[in-house]
Amino acid sequence: MYVCLCYGVTDTHIREAVATQGVCSMRQLRQTLGVAGQCGQCGKHAHCVLKECLQKLPEDYHVQPSKKDLPILQPNLALEVA
């Protein structure tokens, strides 16, 4: 379903951005896909889709910032202290 008509962004695009690019905030979603960057009418719905995607992420993943200010999902590895 289309979420942002100004940029032609669908809920599938948002889900892919979360899964493959590590998008985890509306700011990153706007920077990546342009969502809510024009008229803003899609902001609420885009936020709902983003929130739903983030809640479905496995618990053993966490977000770490990358060099480009976009997080990369990596397994949450427990460190052993000697």
N, C-alpha and C. Protein backbone atom coordinates (compact mmCIF):
# COMPACT_ATOMS: atom_id res chain seq x y z
N MET A 1 0.84 -1.17 0.00
CA MET A 1 0.00 0.00 0.00
C MET A 1 0.89 1.25 0.00
N TYR A 2 0.49 2.25 -0.74
CA TYR A 2 1.25 3.49 -0.76
C TYR A 2 1.10 4.22 0.56
N VAL A 3 2.23 4.66 1.10
CA VAL A 3 2.25 5.44 2.33
C VAL A 3 2.49 6.90 1.99
N CYS A 4 3.46 7.16 1.11
CA CYS A 4 3.82 8.51 0.71
C CYS A 4 3.58 8.67 -0.79
N LEU A 5 2.58 9.44 -1.13
CA LEU A 5 2.26 9.65 -2.55
C LEU A 5 3.23 10.62 -3.21
N CYS A 6 3.77 11.55 -2.45
CA CYS A 6 4.70 12.52 -3.03
C CYS A 6 5.94 11.84 -3.61
N TYR A 7 6.43 10.81 -2.93
CA TYR A 7 7.63 10.12 -3.36
C TYR A 7 7.38 8.69 -3.81
N GLY A 8 6.13 8.26 -3.81
CA GLY A 8 5.79 6.92 -4.28
C GLY A 8 6.34 5.81 -3.38
N VAL A 9 6.32 6.04 -2.08
CA VAL A 9 6.87 5.07 -1.13
C VAL A 9 5.75 4.19 -0.59
N THR A 10 5.98 2.89 -0.62
CA THR A 10 5.00 1.94 -0.11
C THR A 10 5.44 1.42 1.26
N ASP A 11 4.54 0.71 1.92
CA ASP A 11 4.90 0.10 3.20
C ASP A 11 6.00 -0.94 2.99
N THR A 12 6.03 -1.58 1.83
CA THR A 12 7.08 -2.55 1.53
C THR A 12 8.44 -1.87 1.45
N HIS A 13 8.50 -0.68 0.87
CA HIS A 13 9.76 0.07 0.82
C HIS A 13 10.26 0.37 2.23
N ILE A 14 9.35 0.74 3.12
CA ILE A 14 9.73 1.06 4.50
C ILE A 14 10.25 -0.20 5.19
N ARG A 15 9.54 -1.31 5.00
CA ARG A 15 9.97 -2.58 5.63
C ARG A 15 11.35 -3.00 5.12
N GLU A 16 11.60 -2.82 3.83
CA GLU A 16 12.90 -3.16 3.26
C GLU A 16 14.00 -2.25 3.79
N ALA A 17 13.69 -0.98 3.97
CA ALA A 17 14.68 -0.04 4.51
C ALA A 17 15.07 -0.42 5.93
N VAL A 18 14.10 -0.86 6.71
CA VAL A 18 14.40 -1.29 8.08
C VAL A 18 15.24 -2.56 8.06
N ALA A 19 14.83 -3.51 7.24
CA ALA A 19 15.50 -4.82 7.22
C ALA A 19 16.89 -4.78 6.59
N THR A 20 17.06 -4.02 5.51
CA THR A 20 18.32 -4.07 4.77
C THR A 20 19.26 -2.91 5.04
N GLN A 21 18.71 -1.75 5.41
CA GLN A 21 19.55 -0.58 5.62
C GLN A 21 19.63 -0.16 7.08
N GLY A 22 18.90 -0.84 7.94
CA GLY A 22 18.97 -0.54 9.36
C GLY A 22 18.27 0.74 9.78
N VAL A 23 17.36 1.23 8.97
CA VAL A 23 16.62 2.44 9.31
C VAL A 23 15.82 2.18 10.59
N CYS A 24 15.95 3.09 11.57
CA CYS A 24 15.25 2.87 12.83
C CYS A 24 14.63 4.14 13.39
N SER A 25 14.55 5.20 12.60
CA SER A 25 13.91 6.43 13.07
C SER A 25 13.25 7.14 11.89
N MET A 26 12.34 8.04 12.21
CA MET A 26 11.68 8.81 11.15
C MET A 26 12.70 9.69 10.42
N ARG A 27 13.66 10.19 11.13
CA ARG A 27 14.69 11.02 10.49
C ARG A 27 15.43 10.22 9.43
N GLN A 28 15.84 9.01 9.78
CA GLN A 28 16.55 8.16 8.83
C GLN A 28 15.63 7.73 7.68
N LEU A 29 14.37 7.51 8.00
CA LEU A 29 13.41 7.15 6.95
C LEU A 29 13.24 8.29 5.96
N ARG A 30 13.18 9.51 6.46
CA ARG A 30 13.06 10.68 5.60
C ARG A 30 14.33 10.85 4.76
N GLN A 31 15.50 10.65 5.37
CA GLN A 31 16.76 10.78 4.64
C GLN A 31 16.91 9.71 3.57
N THR A 32 16.43 8.51 3.86
CA THR A 32 16.59 7.37 2.97
C THR A 32 15.57 7.35 1.85
N LEU A 33 14.29 7.54 2.21
CA LEU A 33 13.20 7.39 1.23
C LEU A 33 12.45 8.69 0.92
N GLY A 34 12.68 9.73 1.68
CA GLY A 34 11.97 10.98 1.45
C GLY A 34 10.62 11.07 2.14
N VAL A 35 10.26 10.05 2.89
CA VAL A 35 8.95 9.99 3.55
C VAL A 35 8.78 11.19 4.48
N ALA A 36 7.62 11.83 4.40
CA ALA A 36 7.25 12.99 5.22
C ALA A 36 8.16 14.19 4.98
N GLY A 37 8.82 14.22 3.85
CA GLY A 37 9.70 15.33 3.53
C GLY A 37 9.08 16.38 2.65
N GLN A 38 7.91 16.12 2.10
CA GLN A 38 7.26 17.06 1.21
C GLN A 38 6.05 17.68 1.91
N CYS A 39 4.90 17.06 1.80
CA CYS A 39 3.68 17.64 2.39
C CYS A 39 3.46 17.19 3.84
N GLY A 40 4.04 16.05 4.23
CA GLY A 40 3.94 15.58 5.61
C GLY A 40 2.70 14.79 5.95
N GLN A 41 1.80 14.60 5.01
CA GLN A 41 0.55 13.88 5.29
C GLN A 41 0.78 12.41 5.62
N CYS A 42 1.89 11.86 5.18
CA CYS A 42 2.16 10.43 5.38
C CYS A 42 2.88 10.14 6.69
N GLY A 43 3.31 11.16 7.40
CA GLY A 43 4.14 10.98 8.57
C GLY A 43 3.59 10.03 9.61
N LYS A 44 2.33 10.18 9.94
CA LYS A 44 1.73 9.35 10.99
C LYS A 44 1.69 7.88 10.56
N HIS A 45 1.26 7.64 9.34
CA HIS A 45 1.17 6.26 8.86
C HIS A 45 2.57 5.65 8.70
N ALA A 46 3.51 6.42 8.20
CA ALA A 46 4.88 5.94 8.04
C ALA A 46 5.47 5.57 9.40
N HIS A 47 5.19 6.39 10.41
CA HIS A 47 5.68 6.11 11.75
C HIS A 47 5.09 4.81 12.28
N CYS A 48 3.82 4.56 12.02
CA CYS A 48 3.17 3.31 12.45
C CYS A 48 3.83 2.10 11.79
N VAL A 49 4.10 2.18 10.50
CA VAL A 49 4.74 1.08 9.78
C VAL A 49 6.15 0.86 10.33
N LEU A 50 6.87 1.94 10.53
CA LEU A 50 8.23 1.86 11.07
C LEU A 50 8.22 1.21 12.45
N LYS A 51 7.34 1.67 13.30
CA LYS A 51 7.24 1.13 14.66
C LYS A 51 6.91 -0.36 14.65
N GLU A 52 5.99 -0.75 13.79
CA GLU A 52 5.61 -2.16 13.65
C GLU A 52 6.81 -3.00 13.23
N CYS A 53 7.58 -2.51 12.27
CA CYS A 53 8.77 -3.23 11.79
C CYS A 53 9.81 -3.39 12.88
N LEU A 54 10.04 -2.33 13.63
CA LEU A 54 11.04 -2.37 14.68
C LEU A 54 10.64 -3.32 15.80
N GLN A 55 9.36 -3.43 16.08
CA GLN A 55 8.88 -4.34 17.12
C GLN A 55 9.04 -5.80 16.70
N LYS A 56 9.06 -6.06 15.41
CA LYS A 56 9.18 -7.43 14.90
C LYS A 56 10.62 -7.90 14.77
N LEU A 57 11.58 -7.01 15.00
CA LEU A 57 12.98 -7.41 14.91
C LEU A 57 13.29 -8.41 16.00
N PRO A 58 14.15 -9.37 15.70
CA PRO A 58 14.54 -10.34 16.73
C PRO A 58 15.18 -9.65 17.92
N GLU A 59 14.93 -10.18 19.11
CA GLU A 59 15.46 -9.56 20.33
C GLU A 59 16.97 -9.63 20.41
N ASP A 60 17.59 -10.57 19.71
CA ASP A 60 19.04 -10.70 19.78
C ASP A 60 19.77 -9.78 18.80
N TYR A 61 19.06 -8.81 18.24
CA TYR A 61 19.68 -7.80 17.37
C TYR A 61 19.62 -6.46 18.08
N HIS A 62 20.62 -5.66 17.85
CA HIS A 62 20.61 -4.30 18.34
C HIS A 62 21.19 -3.40 17.25
N VAL A 63 20.99 -2.13 17.41
CA VAL A 63 21.39 -1.17 16.39
C VAL A 63 22.72 -0.54 16.79
N GLN A 64 23.67 -0.53 15.86
CA GLN A 64 24.93 0.14 16.07
C GLN A 64 25.12 1.17 14.97
N PRO A 65 25.55 2.38 15.32
CA PRO A 65 25.75 3.40 14.30
C PRO A 65 26.87 3.03 13.34
N SER A 66 26.69 3.37 12.08
CA SER A 66 27.73 3.15 11.08
C SER A 66 28.39 4.47 10.74
N LYS A 67 29.32 4.43 9.81
CA LYS A 67 30.03 5.64 9.42
C LYS A 67 29.12 6.66 8.76
N LYS A 68 28.04 6.21 8.14
CA LYS A 68 27.14 7.11 7.42
C LYS A 68 25.95 7.52 8.27
N ASP A 69 26.02 7.34 9.59
CA ASP A 69 24.95 7.71 10.51
C ASP A 69 23.71 6.87 10.31
N LEU A 70 23.82 5.75 9.60
CA LEU A 70 22.72 4.82 9.49
C LEU A 70 23.13 3.54 10.22
N PRO A 71 22.29 3.06 11.12
CA PRO A 71 22.67 1.89 11.90
C PRO A 71 22.71 0.61 11.06
N ILE A 72 23.51 -0.32 11.53
CA ILE A 72 23.60 -1.64 10.91
C ILE A 72 23.15 -2.63 11.97
N LEU A 73 22.24 -3.51 11.61
CA LEU A 73 21.76 -4.50 12.56
C LEU A 73 22.81 -5.59 12.69
N GLN A 74 23.18 -5.87 13.93
CA GLN A 74 24.17 -6.90 14.20
C GLN A 74 23.69 -7.74 15.36
N PRO A 75 24.09 -9.02 15.39
CA PRO A 75 23.69 -9.86 16.51
C PRO A 75 24.22 -9.30 17.82
N ASN A 76 23.43 -9.41 18.86
CA ASN A 76 23.82 -8.96 20.17
C ASN A 76 24.65 -10.07 20.82
N LEU A 77 25.94 -9.90 20.81
CA LEU A 77 26.84 -10.93 21.32
C LEU A 77 27.26 -10.57 22.74
N ALA A 78 27.10 -11.51 23.64
CA ALA A 78 27.52 -11.30 25.02
C ALA A 78 29.03 -11.40 25.11
N LEU A 79 29.66 -10.47 25.78
CA LEU A 79 31.11 -10.48 25.94
C LEU A 79 31.46 -11.17 27.24
N GLU A 80 32.44 -12.05 27.18
CA GLU A 80 32.90 -12.73 28.38
C GLU A 80 34.03 -11.92 28.99
N VAL A 81 33.92 -11.70 30.29
CA VAL A 81 34.96 -10.95 31.00
C VAL A 81 35.82 -11.93 31.77
N ALA A 82 37.14 -11.85 31.57
CA ALA A 82 38.07 -12.79 32.23
C ALA A 82 38.38 -12.37 33.63
